[in-house]
N, C-alpha and C. Protein backbone atom coordinates (compact mmCIF):
# COMPACT_ATOMS: atom_id res chain seq x y z
N UNK A 1 -12.04 34.09 -44.69
CA UNK A 1 -11.24 33.17 -44.33
C UNK A 1 -11.10 31.59 -44.83
N UNK A 2 -10.67 30.90 -45.18
CA UNK A 2 -10.27 29.63 -45.23
C UNK A 2 -10.66 28.84 -44.39
N UNK A 3 -11.55 27.35 -44.98
CA UNK A 3 -12.21 26.66 -44.43
C UNK A 3 -11.20 25.54 -43.80
N UNK A 4 -11.15 24.76 -42.74
CA UNK A 4 -10.11 24.03 -42.81
C UNK A 4 -10.02 22.91 -43.55
N UNK A 5 -8.82 22.14 -43.68
CA UNK A 5 -8.79 21.07 -44.68
C UNK A 5 -9.69 19.40 -44.06
N UNK A 6 -11.06 18.87 -44.76
CA UNK A 6 -11.39 18.01 -43.82
C UNK A 6 -10.08 17.16 -43.53
N UNK A 7 -10.45 15.61 -42.73
CA UNK A 7 -9.02 15.20 -42.99
C UNK A 7 -9.08 13.41 -43.55
N UNK A 8 -8.91 13.27 -43.71
CA UNK A 8 -8.73 12.72 -45.08
C UNK A 8 -9.20 10.84 -44.14
N UNK A 9 -9.78 10.00 -45.27
CA UNK A 9 -9.31 8.41 -44.53
C UNK A 9 -7.80 8.11 -43.76
N UNK A 10 -7.06 8.52 -45.04
CA UNK A 10 -5.26 8.36 -45.30
C UNK A 10 -4.65 8.91 -43.35
N UNK A 11 -5.36 9.80 -43.29
CA UNK A 11 -4.59 10.89 -42.26
C UNK A 11 -5.67 10.77 -41.21
N UNK A 12 -7.36 9.79 -40.90
CA UNK A 12 -7.71 9.16 -39.71
C UNK A 12 -6.93 7.93 -39.03
N UNK A 13 -6.70 7.32 -40.66
CA UNK A 13 -6.34 5.67 -40.54
C UNK A 13 -4.63 6.59 -39.55
N UNK A 14 -3.49 7.46 -39.66
CA UNK A 14 -2.73 7.70 -39.57
C UNK A 14 -2.72 8.05 -37.88
N UNK A 15 -3.75 8.79 -37.43
CA UNK A 15 -4.10 9.31 -36.28
C UNK A 15 -4.21 7.93 -35.48
N UNK A 16 -4.88 6.70 -36.38
CA UNK A 16 -5.53 5.73 -35.65
C UNK A 16 -3.64 5.14 -34.96
N UNK A 17 -3.35 4.94 -35.13
CA UNK A 17 -1.90 4.71 -35.54
C UNK A 17 -1.08 4.60 -34.76
N UNK A 18 -1.06 6.21 -34.73
CA UNK A 18 -0.27 6.90 -33.48
C UNK A 18 -0.53 6.63 -31.94
N UNK A 19 -1.64 6.51 -32.04
CA UNK A 19 -2.73 6.49 -30.53
C UNK A 19 -2.44 5.33 -30.04
N UNK A 20 -2.79 4.20 -31.27
CA UNK A 20 -2.29 2.52 -30.45
C UNK A 20 -1.00 2.81 -30.33
N UNK A 21 -0.26 3.59 -30.71
CA UNK A 21 1.74 2.99 -30.52
C UNK A 21 1.90 3.72 -28.78
N UNK A 22 0.83 4.97 -29.19
CA UNK A 22 1.04 5.55 -27.90
C UNK A 22 0.08 4.68 -27.01
N UNK A 23 -0.97 3.84 -26.77
CA UNK A 23 -1.04 3.02 -25.72
C UNK A 23 -0.01 1.71 -25.20
N UNK A 24 0.37 1.47 -26.35
CA UNK A 24 1.27 0.17 -26.35
C UNK A 24 2.23 0.64 -25.89
N UNK A 25 2.91 2.30 -26.00
CA UNK A 25 4.08 2.85 -24.80
C UNK A 25 4.23 2.83 -23.66
N UNK A 26 2.84 3.11 -23.71
CA UNK A 26 2.09 3.61 -22.21
C UNK A 26 2.20 2.10 -20.85
N UNK A 27 1.60 1.08 -21.99
CA UNK A 27 1.80 -0.61 -21.36
C UNK A 27 3.06 -0.66 -20.80
N UNK A 28 4.41 -0.51 -21.78
CA UNK A 28 5.26 -0.79 -21.15
C UNK A 28 6.16 0.00 -20.29
N UNK A 29 5.91 1.40 -20.07
CA UNK A 29 6.02 2.08 -19.04
C UNK A 29 5.74 1.33 -17.79
N UNK A 30 4.75 1.20 -17.77
CA UNK A 30 3.05 0.71 -16.22
C UNK A 30 4.36 -0.56 -15.63
N UNK A 31 4.71 -1.52 -16.90
CA UNK A 31 5.46 -3.22 -16.44
C UNK A 31 6.75 -2.83 -16.09
N UNK A 32 7.27 -1.78 -16.76
CA UNK A 32 9.22 -1.76 -16.30
C UNK A 32 8.94 -0.85 -15.35
N UNK A 33 7.83 -0.13 -14.49
CA UNK A 33 7.27 0.09 -13.01
C UNK A 33 7.99 2.14 -14.08
N UNK A 34 7.04 2.76 -14.51
CA UNK A 34 7.49 4.25 -14.81
C UNK A 34 6.77 4.42 -14.05
N UNK A 35 7.36 5.31 -13.69
CA UNK A 35 7.59 7.50 -12.58
C UNK A 35 6.39 7.71 -12.86
N UNK A 36 4.75 7.97 -12.11
CA UNK A 36 3.94 9.10 -12.63
C UNK A 36 3.93 9.06 -12.23
N UNK A 37 4.53 9.96 -11.44
CA UNK A 37 4.82 11.52 -10.41
C UNK A 37 5.23 12.04 -11.15
N UNK A 38 4.38 12.94 -12.16
CA UNK A 38 5.50 13.75 -13.28
C UNK A 38 6.40 15.05 -13.09
N UNK A 39 5.81 15.46 -11.76
CA UNK A 39 5.99 15.90 -10.75
C UNK A 39 7.81 16.14 -10.57
N UNK A 40 8.47 17.27 -10.68
CA UNK A 40 9.89 16.91 -10.16
C UNK A 40 9.97 16.89 -8.79
N UNK A 41 11.03 15.48 -8.88
CA UNK A 41 11.82 14.57 -7.94
C UNK A 41 12.18 15.79 -6.86
N UNK A 42 11.04 15.93 -5.55
CA UNK A 42 12.39 16.04 -4.76
C UNK A 42 13.35 15.15 -3.79
N UNK A 43 12.98 13.83 -3.92
CA UNK A 43 13.87 13.46 -3.35
C UNK A 43 14.36 11.73 -3.96
N UNK A 44 14.27 12.00 -5.29
CA UNK A 44 14.99 11.15 -6.36
C UNK A 44 13.50 10.24 -7.06
N UNK A 45 13.18 9.60 -8.01
CA UNK A 45 11.99 8.66 -8.09
C UNK A 45 11.73 7.50 -7.53
N UNK A 46 10.66 7.12 -7.95
CA UNK A 46 9.54 6.32 -7.65
C UNK A 46 10.18 5.11 -8.77
N UNK A 47 11.07 5.29 -10.11
CA UNK A 47 11.50 4.46 -10.60
C UNK A 47 11.78 3.02 -10.08
N UNK A 48 13.29 3.57 -9.16
CA UNK A 48 14.00 2.92 -8.12
C UNK A 48 13.09 1.92 -7.46
N UNK A 49 11.86 2.68 -7.57
CA UNK A 49 11.18 1.40 -5.79
C UNK A 49 10.45 0.35 -6.57
N UNK A 50 10.14 0.94 -8.87
CA UNK A 50 9.17 0.23 -8.73
C UNK A 50 10.34 -1.54 -9.12
N UNK A 51 11.36 -1.36 -9.01
CA UNK A 51 12.00 -2.38 -9.98
C UNK A 51 12.52 -3.13 -8.06
N UNK A 52 10.91 -3.27 -6.95
CA UNK A 52 10.84 -3.52 -5.89
C UNK A 52 10.39 -4.45 -5.55
N UNK A 53 10.19 -5.62 -4.76
CA UNK A 53 9.42 -6.58 -4.50
C UNK A 53 9.01 -6.54 -3.06
N UNK A 54 7.27 -6.13 -3.36
CA UNK A 54 6.72 -6.18 -1.72
C UNK A 54 6.51 -7.59 -1.26
N UNK A 55 6.26 -7.18 -0.22
CA UNK A 55 4.93 -8.79 0.09
C UNK A 55 3.82 -8.22 -0.41
N UNK A 56 2.86 -9.58 0.31
CA UNK A 56 1.57 -9.00 0.08
C UNK A 56 0.91 -8.66 1.19
N UNK A 57 0.07 -8.17 1.28
CA UNK A 57 -0.57 -8.35 2.75
C UNK A 57 -1.38 -9.34 3.40
N UNK A 58 -0.71 -8.83 4.77
CA UNK A 58 -1.44 -11.02 5.41
C UNK A 58 -3.06 -11.24 5.65
N UNK A 59 -3.82 -11.91 5.07
CA UNK A 59 -4.88 -12.20 5.49
C UNK A 59 -5.61 -11.55 5.76
N UNK A 60 -6.37 -11.34 6.87
CA UNK A 60 -7.30 -10.91 7.73
C UNK A 60 -7.48 -12.70 9.20
N UNK A 61 -7.87 -11.97 9.98
CA UNK A 61 -8.99 -12.99 10.94
C UNK A 61 -10.38 -13.36 10.61
N UNK A 62 -11.07 -13.44 11.09
CA UNK A 62 -12.21 -14.24 10.67
C UNK A 62 -13.46 -12.33 10.98
N UNK A 63 -12.66 -11.87 12.09
CA UNK A 63 -12.96 -10.84 11.95
C UNK A 63 -13.12 -9.58 10.98
N UNK A 64 -12.30 -9.87 10.16
CA UNK A 64 -11.22 -8.92 9.42
C UNK A 64 -10.57 -7.94 10.46
N UNK A 65 -9.96 -8.68 10.69
CA UNK A 65 -8.84 -7.70 11.90
C UNK A 65 -6.87 -8.26 11.19
N UNK A 66 -6.50 -7.11 11.20
CA UNK A 66 -4.84 -7.84 11.23
C UNK A 66 -4.54 -7.10 12.19
N UNK A 67 -3.46 -8.41 13.28
CA UNK A 67 -2.40 -7.61 13.98
C UNK A 67 -1.20 -7.42 14.07
N UNK A 68 -0.70 -6.71 14.31
CA UNK A 68 0.35 -6.24 14.44
C UNK A 68 1.58 -6.41 16.01
N UNK A 69 2.00 -6.40 16.30
CA UNK A 69 2.61 -6.56 18.05
C UNK A 69 2.06 -5.36 18.58
N UNK A 70 2.11 -3.24 18.34
CA UNK A 70 1.69 -2.60 18.21
C UNK A 70 0.60 -1.60 17.79
N UNK A 71 0.16 -2.47 17.11
CA UNK A 71 -1.29 -2.09 16.58
C UNK A 71 -2.08 -2.78 15.64
N UNK A 72 -3.43 -2.89 15.23
CA UNK A 72 -4.25 -3.67 14.33
C UNK A 72 -4.65 -3.01 13.87
N UNK A 73 -5.34 -3.45 12.68
CA UNK A 73 -6.32 -2.89 11.56
C UNK A 73 -7.06 -3.63 10.98
N UNK A 74 -8.22 -2.81 11.08
CA UNK A 74 -9.60 -3.58 9.92
C UNK A 74 -9.70 -3.54 8.64
N UNK A 75 -10.48 -4.36 8.01
CA UNK A 75 -10.19 -4.58 6.36
C UNK A 75 -11.83 -4.41 6.20
N UNK A 76 -12.51 -3.81 5.42
CA UNK A 76 -14.05 -2.79 5.78
C UNK A 76 -15.01 -3.76 4.44
N UNK A 77 -15.57 -5.20 4.76
CA UNK A 77 -16.51 -5.22 4.39
C UNK A 77 -17.00 -4.40 3.34
N UNK A 78 -18.30 -5.06 1.98
CA UNK A 78 -18.74 -4.52 1.14
C UNK A 78 -20.21 -3.86 1.69
N UNK A 79 -19.65 -2.06 1.47
CA UNK A 79 -21.28 -1.25 1.96
C UNK A 79 -21.15 -1.04 2.86
N UNK A 80 -19.84 -1.41 3.33
CA UNK A 80 -19.96 -0.75 5.04
C UNK A 80 -19.60 0.97 5.25
N UNK A 81 -19.96 1.06 6.49
CA UNK A 81 -19.58 2.71 6.73
C UNK A 81 -19.20 2.52 8.24
N UNK A 82 -18.11 3.53 8.46
CA UNK A 82 -16.83 3.32 9.28
C UNK A 82 -17.60 2.78 10.89
N UNK A 83 -19.27 3.69 10.97
CA UNK A 83 -19.52 3.29 11.72
C UNK A 83 -19.86 1.72 12.13
N UNK A 84 -20.50 1.13 10.83
CA UNK A 84 -20.97 -0.67 10.57
C UNK A 84 -19.50 -0.84 11.14
N UNK A 85 -18.56 -0.85 10.48
CA UNK A 85 -16.78 -1.11 11.00
C UNK A 85 -16.70 -1.33 12.41
N UNK A 86 -17.24 -0.50 12.76
CA UNK A 86 -17.11 -0.42 15.03
C UNK A 86 -17.69 -0.38 15.17
N UNK A 87 -19.25 -0.69 15.26
CA UNK A 87 -19.66 -1.37 15.59
C UNK A 87 -19.74 -3.47 15.11
N UNK A 88 -19.12 -4.10 14.51
CA UNK A 88 -19.02 -5.29 14.23
C UNK A 88 -18.04 -5.24 15.00
N UNK A 89 -17.13 -4.74 14.99
CA UNK A 89 -15.96 -4.96 16.53
C UNK A 89 -15.94 -5.02 17.43
N UNK A 90 -17.56 -3.87 17.93
CA UNK A 90 -17.44 -3.76 19.07
C UNK A 90 -16.79 -2.64 19.35
N UNK A 91 -16.32 -1.17 18.61
CA UNK A 91 -15.88 -0.11 19.12
C UNK A 91 -17.23 1.06 19.17
N UNK A 92 -15.99 2.12 19.49
CA UNK A 92 -17.23 3.98 19.19
C UNK A 92 -16.82 3.52 18.04
N UNK A 93 -17.98 4.73 16.83
CA UNK A 93 -17.88 4.80 15.76
C UNK A 93 -16.93 6.21 16.03
N UNK A 94 -17.62 6.47 16.94
CA UNK A 94 -17.00 7.92 16.42
C UNK A 94 -15.00 8.49 17.13
N UNK A 95 -14.50 7.52 17.80
CA UNK A 95 -13.51 7.32 18.27
C UNK A 95 -13.32 6.85 16.98
N UNK A 96 -13.39 5.52 16.22
CA UNK A 96 -12.64 5.05 15.50
C UNK A 96 -13.07 6.22 14.12
N UNK A 97 -13.79 6.66 13.61
CA UNK A 97 -13.34 8.06 12.89
C UNK A 97 -12.71 8.77 12.89
N UNK A 98 -12.87 9.44 14.58
CA UNK A 98 -11.41 10.01 14.75
C UNK A 98 -10.23 9.58 13.91
N UNK A 99 -10.56 8.72 14.44
CA UNK A 99 -8.64 8.19 14.30
C UNK A 99 -8.03 7.35 13.52
N UNK A 100 -9.31 8.10 11.96
CA UNK A 100 -9.09 7.22 10.65
C UNK A 100 -9.49 8.89 9.93
N UNK A 101 -9.54 10.14 10.53
CA UNK A 101 -9.99 11.28 9.94
C UNK A 101 -10.79 10.92 9.11
N UNK A 102 -12.02 10.51 8.98
CA UNK A 102 -13.25 10.63 8.35
C UNK A 102 -14.42 10.55 9.17
N UNK A 103 -15.80 10.63 8.59
CA UNK A 103 -16.58 10.78 9.34
C UNK A 103 -17.67 9.28 9.65
N UNK A 104 -18.08 9.36 11.11
CA UNK A 104 -18.83 8.00 11.20
C UNK A 104 -19.59 7.13 10.17
N UNK A 105 -20.11 8.00 9.36
CA UNK A 105 -21.08 7.63 8.23
C UNK A 105 -20.72 7.70 7.07
N UNK A 106 -18.81 7.65 6.70
CA UNK A 106 -18.46 7.56 5.41
C UNK A 106 -18.21 5.68 4.97
N UNK A 107 -18.70 6.49 4.23
CA UNK A 107 -19.03 4.48 3.71
C UNK A 107 -17.60 3.94 2.99
N UNK A 108 -17.22 3.11 3.56
CA UNK A 108 -16.12 2.45 2.69
C UNK A 108 -15.70 1.93 1.47
N UNK A 109 -14.25 1.31 0.91
CA UNK A 109 -14.04 0.28 0.05
C UNK A 109 -14.71 -0.75 0.57
N UNK A 110 -14.78 -1.94 -0.33
CA UNK A 110 -14.54 -3.05 0.70
C UNK A 110 -12.74 -3.79 0.10
N UNK A 111 -12.28 -3.81 1.83
CA UNK A 111 -11.05 -3.59 1.84
C UNK A 111 -9.57 -2.40 2.13
N UNK A 112 -10.83 -1.35 2.13
CA UNK A 112 -9.71 -0.61 2.67
C UNK A 112 -10.23 -0.44 4.02
N UNK A 113 -8.62 -0.32 4.93
CA UNK A 113 -8.18 -0.42 6.23
C UNK A 113 -8.28 0.60 7.03
N UNK A 114 -8.63 0.21 8.00
CA UNK A 114 -9.08 1.66 9.34
C UNK A 114 -7.88 0.99 11.00
N UNK A 115 -7.37 1.92 11.33
CA UNK A 115 -6.62 1.56 12.34
C UNK A 115 -7.94 2.00 13.34
N UNK A 116 -6.95 0.72 14.08
CA UNK A 116 -7.95 0.56 15.22
C UNK A 116 -7.60 1.99 16.60
N UNK A 117 -8.75 2.43 17.34
CA UNK A 117 -7.93 3.25 18.56
C UNK A 117 -7.66 2.22 19.52
N UNK A 118 -8.32 1.14 19.57
CA UNK A 118 -8.10 0.58 20.80
C UNK A 118 -7.61 -0.94 20.75
N UNK A 119 -6.75 -1.90 20.85
CA UNK A 119 -5.96 -3.19 21.10
C UNK A 119 -7.70 -4.00 21.23
N UNK A 120 -7.20 -5.58 20.08
CA UNK A 120 -9.07 -6.43 20.54
C UNK A 120 -8.35 -7.32 21.22
N UNK A 121 -8.60 -7.87 22.14
CA UNK A 121 -8.19 -9.52 22.06
C UNK A 121 -8.31 -9.86 21.28
N UNK A 122 -7.14 -11.05 21.29
CA UNK A 122 -6.84 -11.79 19.63
C UNK A 122 -7.88 -12.49 19.44
N UNK A 123 -8.44 -13.04 18.28
CA UNK A 123 -9.84 -14.05 17.77
C UNK A 123 -9.01 -15.16 18.15
N UNK A 124 -9.80 -15.80 18.87
CA UNK A 124 -9.59 -17.58 18.87
C UNK A 124 -8.91 -18.29 17.83
N UNK A 125 -7.12 -19.04 18.00
CA UNK A 125 -6.74 -19.19 17.23
C UNK A 125 -5.79 -18.16 16.22
N UNK A 126 -5.79 -17.54 16.21
CA UNK A 126 -5.85 -16.41 15.85
C UNK A 126 -3.88 -15.55 16.85
N UNK A 127 -2.74 -15.92 15.06
CA UNK A 127 -1.42 -15.34 15.66
C UNK A 127 -1.14 -14.26 14.86
N UNK A 128 -0.37 -13.85 16.29
CA UNK A 128 0.20 -12.02 15.40
C UNK A 128 0.93 -12.30 14.74
N UNK A 129 0.79 -11.79 13.91
CA UNK A 129 1.81 -11.51 12.74
C UNK A 129 3.06 -11.50 12.60
N UNK A 130 3.48 -10.38 14.30
CA UNK A 130 5.06 -10.03 13.96
C UNK A 130 6.01 -11.60 15.19
N UNK A 131 5.44 -11.51 16.05
CA UNK A 131 5.29 -12.84 16.80
C UNK A 131 5.83 -14.19 16.23
N UNK A 132 5.08 -14.09 14.67
CA UNK A 132 5.87 -15.83 14.43
C UNK A 132 6.37 -15.90 14.12
N UNK A 133 7.29 -14.38 13.18
CA UNK A 133 8.60 -14.12 12.60
C UNK A 133 9.37 -14.50 13.59
N UNK A 134 9.03 -13.47 14.88
CA UNK A 134 9.70 -13.35 16.23
C UNK A 134 9.46 -14.85 16.86
N UNK A 135 9.01 -16.02 16.95
CA UNK A 135 9.40 -17.49 17.66
C UNK A 135 10.02 -17.87 16.80
N UNK A 136 10.05 -18.14 15.07
CA UNK A 136 11.30 -18.78 13.81
C UNK A 136 12.46 -18.42 14.74
N UNK A 137 12.64 -17.36 15.06
CA UNK A 137 14.08 -16.33 15.05
C UNK A 137 14.84 -16.73 16.28
N UNK A 138 13.64 -17.54 17.50
CA UNK A 138 14.15 -17.78 18.86
C UNK A 138 14.69 -19.37 18.28
N UNK A 139 13.88 -19.91 17.60
CA UNK A 139 14.33 -21.56 17.76
C UNK A 139 15.48 -21.67 16.45
N UNK A 140 15.76 -20.57 15.66
CA UNK A 140 16.87 -21.04 15.54
C UNK A 140 17.85 -20.79 15.82
N UNK A 141 18.06 -19.73 16.48
CA UNK A 141 19.21 -18.98 17.65
C UNK A 141 19.69 -20.12 18.69
N UNK A 142 20.71 -20.97 18.79
CA UNK A 142 20.41 -21.89 20.07
C UNK A 142 21.53 -22.03 20.55
N UNK A 143 22.38 -20.17 20.45
CA UNK A 143 23.81 -20.34 21.05
C UNK A 143 23.52 -19.87 22.50
N UNK A 144 24.19 -18.68 22.90
CA UNK A 144 24.34 -18.91 24.13
C UNK A 144 23.42 -17.18 24.42
N UNK A 145 22.86 -17.53 25.36
CA UNK A 145 22.16 -16.40 25.62
C UNK A 145 22.65 -14.68 25.98
N UNK A 146 22.25 -14.08 25.28
CA UNK A 146 22.66 -12.44 25.09
C UNK A 146 21.48 -11.56 25.40
N UNK A 147 22.26 -10.61 25.80
CA UNK A 147 20.99 -8.88 25.86
C UNK A 147 21.15 -9.28 25.32
N UNK A 148 19.89 -8.70 24.55
CA UNK A 148 18.84 -7.62 22.64
C UNK A 148 18.97 -6.86 23.02
N UNK A 149 19.38 -6.05 21.74
CA UNK A 149 18.07 -4.28 22.32
C UNK A 149 16.91 -4.30 21.59
N UNK A 150 16.65 -3.69 23.00
CA UNK A 150 14.95 -3.30 22.61
C UNK A 150 14.25 -2.26 21.62
N UNK A 151 13.37 -3.78 21.40
CA UNK A 151 12.50 -3.08 19.92
C UNK A 151 11.76 -3.40 20.28
N UNK A 152 10.81 -2.01 19.12
CA UNK A 152 9.74 -0.96 19.59
C UNK A 152 8.84 -1.69 18.78
N UNK A 153 9.06 -2.40 17.46
CA UNK A 153 8.27 -3.19 15.92
C UNK A 153 9.03 -4.02 15.79
N UNK A 154 8.31 -5.47 14.85
CA UNK A 154 8.85 -6.34 15.08
C UNK A 154 9.10 -6.19 12.93
N UNK A 155 10.50 -6.68 12.61
CA UNK A 155 11.09 -6.19 11.01
C UNK A 155 9.84 -6.59 10.09
N UNK A 156 8.14 -8.19 10.69
CA UNK A 156 8.08 -8.03 9.07
C UNK A 156 6.54 -7.34 9.80
N UNK A 157 6.61 -6.49 10.62
CA UNK A 157 5.42 -4.72 11.57
C UNK A 157 5.90 -3.89 10.16
N UNK A 158 4.35 -3.40 9.71
CA UNK A 158 4.71 -2.98 8.39
C UNK A 158 4.74 -1.36 9.36
N UNK A 159 5.46 -0.33 8.94
CA UNK A 159 5.32 1.30 9.60
C UNK A 159 4.00 2.07 9.04
N UNK A 160 4.21 3.18 10.21
CA UNK A 160 2.51 3.64 9.70
C UNK A 160 2.91 4.78 8.92
N UNK A 161 2.08 5.76 8.50
CA UNK A 161 2.53 6.78 7.98
C UNK A 161 1.52 7.63 8.16
N UNK A 162 1.14 9.25 8.47
CA UNK A 162 0.46 9.38 9.05
C UNK A 162 -0.34 10.94 7.69
N UNK A 163 -1.39 10.47 6.76
CA UNK A 163 -0.77 11.52 5.74
C UNK A 163 -1.10 13.15 5.78
N UNK A 164 0.10 14.31 6.02
CA UNK A 164 -0.17 15.46 5.68
C UNK A 164 -0.72 16.02 4.58
N UNK A 165 -0.79 17.16 4.92
CA UNK A 165 -1.67 18.32 4.30
C UNK A 165 -0.86 18.49 2.81
N UNK A 166 -1.14 18.51 1.52
CA UNK A 166 -0.64 18.63 0.06
C UNK A 166 0.31 17.42 -0.26
N UNK A 167 0.47 16.23 0.46
CA UNK A 167 0.61 14.30 0.47
C UNK A 167 -0.44 14.18 -0.67
N UNK A 168 0.70 13.00 -0.88
CA UNK A 168 -0.28 12.23 -2.55
C UNK A 168 -0.07 10.50 -2.18
N UNK A 169 -0.81 9.69 -2.61
CA UNK A 169 -0.44 8.20 -3.29
C UNK A 169 0.82 8.19 -3.17
N UNK A 170 1.84 8.82 -4.07
CA UNK A 170 2.58 9.29 -4.98
C UNK A 170 3.47 9.39 -4.31
N UNK A 171 3.93 10.61 -3.60
CA UNK A 171 4.85 11.12 -2.94
C UNK A 171 5.13 10.31 -1.53
N UNK A 172 4.23 9.82 -1.00
CA UNK A 172 4.58 8.87 0.68
C UNK A 172 5.10 7.58 -0.26
N UNK A 173 4.74 6.77 -1.72
CA UNK A 173 5.76 5.76 -1.73
C UNK A 173 6.98 6.00 -2.06
N UNK A 174 6.73 7.77 -2.95
CA UNK A 174 8.86 7.76 -3.00
C UNK A 174 9.22 7.44 -1.78
N UNK A 175 8.83 8.62 -0.73
CA UNK A 175 9.10 8.56 0.35
C UNK A 175 9.99 7.43 1.40
N UNK A 176 8.87 6.89 0.90
CA UNK A 176 9.15 5.31 1.12
C UNK A 176 10.22 3.58 1.08
N UNK A 177 10.68 4.72 -0.65
CA UNK A 177 10.70 3.82 -2.08
C UNK A 177 10.14 2.28 -1.36
N UNK A 178 8.77 2.49 -2.09
CA UNK A 178 7.56 1.33 -1.90
C UNK A 178 7.47 2.04 -3.10
N UNK A 179 6.04 0.94 -3.88
CA UNK A 179 5.85 2.17 -5.54
C UNK A 179 4.60 2.04 -4.51
N UNK A 180 3.65 2.93 -6.10
CA UNK A 180 1.97 3.01 -5.74
C UNK A 180 1.14 2.21 -5.62
N UNK A 181 1.84 0.74 -6.45
CA UNK A 181 0.93 0.66 -6.29
C UNK A 181 0.39 -0.93 -5.10
N UNK A 182 1.64 -0.98 -4.58
CA UNK A 182 1.66 -1.90 -3.30
C UNK A 182 1.10 -0.82 -2.44
N UNK A 183 1.15 0.10 -2.32
CA UNK A 183 1.03 1.06 -1.31
C UNK A 183 -1.06 0.87 -1.00
N UNK A 184 -0.90 1.34 -2.71
CA UNK A 184 -2.27 0.87 -2.62
C UNK A 184 -3.02 -0.40 -2.07
N UNK A 185 -2.68 -1.61 -2.31
CA UNK A 185 -3.02 -2.42 -2.33
C UNK A 185 -3.17 -2.88 -1.15
N UNK A 186 -1.75 -2.38 -0.17
CA UNK A 186 -2.09 -2.84 1.07
C UNK A 186 -2.82 -1.69 2.23
N UNK A 187 -3.62 -0.86 1.63
CA UNK A 187 -4.28 0.34 2.16
C UNK A 187 -5.49 0.64 0.97
N UNK A 188 -6.64 -1.29 0.46
CA UNK A 188 -7.22 -0.47 -0.31
C UNK A 188 -7.43 0.69 -0.76
N UNK A 189 -6.48 1.27 -1.64
CA UNK A 189 -6.70 2.70 -1.76
C UNK A 189 -7.69 2.75 -3.30
N UNK A 190 -8.57 3.42 -3.80
CA UNK A 190 -9.78 3.21 -4.76
C UNK A 190 -8.31 3.47 -5.98
N UNK A 191 -9.29 3.49 -7.27
CA UNK A 191 -8.37 3.32 -8.37
C UNK A 191 -8.20 4.78 -8.18
N UNK A 192 -8.45 6.02 -8.38
CA UNK A 192 -7.58 7.29 -7.74
C UNK A 192 -7.04 7.69 -7.13
N UNK A 193 -6.06 6.44 -6.40
CA UNK A 193 -4.94 6.25 -5.63
C UNK A 193 -5.26 7.84 -4.42
N UNK A 194 -6.50 7.79 -4.23
CA UNK A 194 -6.75 9.40 -3.91
C UNK A 194 -6.24 9.05 -2.06
N UNK A 195 -5.41 10.16 -1.36
CA UNK A 195 -5.74 10.26 -0.01
C UNK A 195 -6.05 10.79 0.62
N UNK A 196 -6.78 10.76 2.21
CA UNK A 196 -6.85 12.95 2.79
C UNK A 196 -6.31 12.73 4.09
N UNK A 197 -5.81 13.90 4.55
CA UNK A 197 -4.61 14.61 5.58
C UNK A 197 -5.90 14.05 6.92
N UNK A 198 -4.28 13.46 7.40
CA UNK A 198 -4.66 12.12 8.36
C UNK A 198 -4.69 10.46 8.94
N UNK A 199 -5.23 10.84 7.47
CA UNK A 199 -4.90 9.27 6.94
C UNK A 199 -3.61 8.79 7.36
N UNK A 200 -3.62 7.40 8.10
CA UNK A 200 -3.10 6.42 8.41
C UNK A 200 -2.63 5.27 7.04
N UNK A 201 -1.79 5.63 7.19
CA UNK A 201 -1.12 4.43 6.13
C UNK A 201 -0.31 3.30 6.20
N UNK A 202 -0.48 2.06 5.84
CA UNK A 202 0.34 1.07 6.70
C UNK A 202 1.69 1.15 5.51
N UNK A 203 2.97 0.96 5.48
CA UNK A 203 3.51 0.66 4.48
C UNK A 203 4.43 -0.03 4.43
N UNK A 204 4.09 -0.73 3.25
CA UNK A 204 4.74 -2.12 3.32
C UNK A 204 5.97 -2.10 2.75
N UNK A 205 7.11 -3.46 3.59
CA UNK A 205 8.24 -3.55 3.36
C UNK A 205 8.81 -3.51 2.05
N UNK A 206 9.38 -3.16 1.20
CA UNK A 206 10.09 -3.13 -0.18
C UNK A 206 10.87 -4.00 -0.38
N UNK A 207 11.34 -5.12 -0.90
CA UNK A 207 12.30 -5.88 -0.69
C UNK A 207 13.69 -6.05 -2.34
N UNK A 208 14.43 -5.87 -1.92
CA UNK A 208 14.60 -6.06 -3.58
C UNK A 208 15.33 -7.43 -4.60
N UNK A 209 14.58 -7.21 -5.15
CA UNK A 209 14.41 -8.48 -6.30
C UNK A 209 16.21 -9.27 -6.57
N UNK A 210 15.93 -10.64 -5.79
CA UNK A 210 17.95 -11.24 -5.76
C UNK A 210 18.52 -10.81 -8.10
N UNK A 211 19.63 -10.25 -7.68
CA UNK A 211 20.19 -9.98 -8.82
C UNK A 211 20.75 -11.42 -9.05
N UNK A 212 20.86 -11.21 -10.67
CA UNK A 212 20.89 -12.65 -11.27
C UNK A 212 22.41 -12.64 -11.32
N UNK A 213 22.79 -13.77 -11.22
CA UNK A 213 23.78 -14.05 -11.41
C UNK A 213 24.48 -14.70 -11.81
N UNK A 214 26.19 -13.77 -13.00
CA UNK A 214 26.74 -14.29 -14.09
C UNK A 214 27.89 -15.24 -14.34
N UNK A 215 27.34 -15.96 -15.32
CA UNK A 215 27.95 -16.66 -15.20
C UNK A 215 28.96 -15.92 -16.02
N UNK A 216 30.63 -17.26 -15.62
CA UNK A 216 31.80 -16.64 -16.78
C UNK A 216 32.27 -17.22 -17.49
N UNK A 217 32.80 -16.54 -18.51
CA UNK A 217 33.01 -17.09 -20.16
C UNK A 217 33.68 -17.95 -19.87
N UNK A 218 33.39 -19.29 -21.05
CA UNK A 218 33.46 -20.11 -21.14
C UNK A 218 35.71 -20.07 -21.75
């Protein structure tokens, strides 16, 4: 058999140029909201969601807790385990672990989100995220009183999604029309975007970017 031809300096240069072009193309796709979940879409593409703007996650209080009207979450600190978070907040470690589908000795990423199994008292000076928005709306509406429909959550309160078997961060992001990046940022996901069965994720509300106004031609 004839030996395979050795690559020449010119062929190496061509390959390097092709690789550079490919990397530049991928970078451009990321900036434009390319859908990295390349499987056949069942309910649409996350490319549309990539053109949405999600709000930033609210800052936690001094305890590392974010409070919403119907639930609370805690943000892990560096090198903490689930048991450490429970101890810091005065909760039962086994109960906190069960609520988040992990073991008490699981080491968490800094900023990773855990849903609390029971509501903690509000920290001194802390204000409920949803209550702030509701109070502002009440001040604006000075008209006659009328009966309001029952509400189960504030408009500013993120939905929660419990991960089912076979789901990924990408399929969940597609389901709620948010970007995978926003989902990761709100929940402190790792670089691999991994989620686990039984994990509870906060779903950031996607806000459409304003459509540019077209001026009439003179």
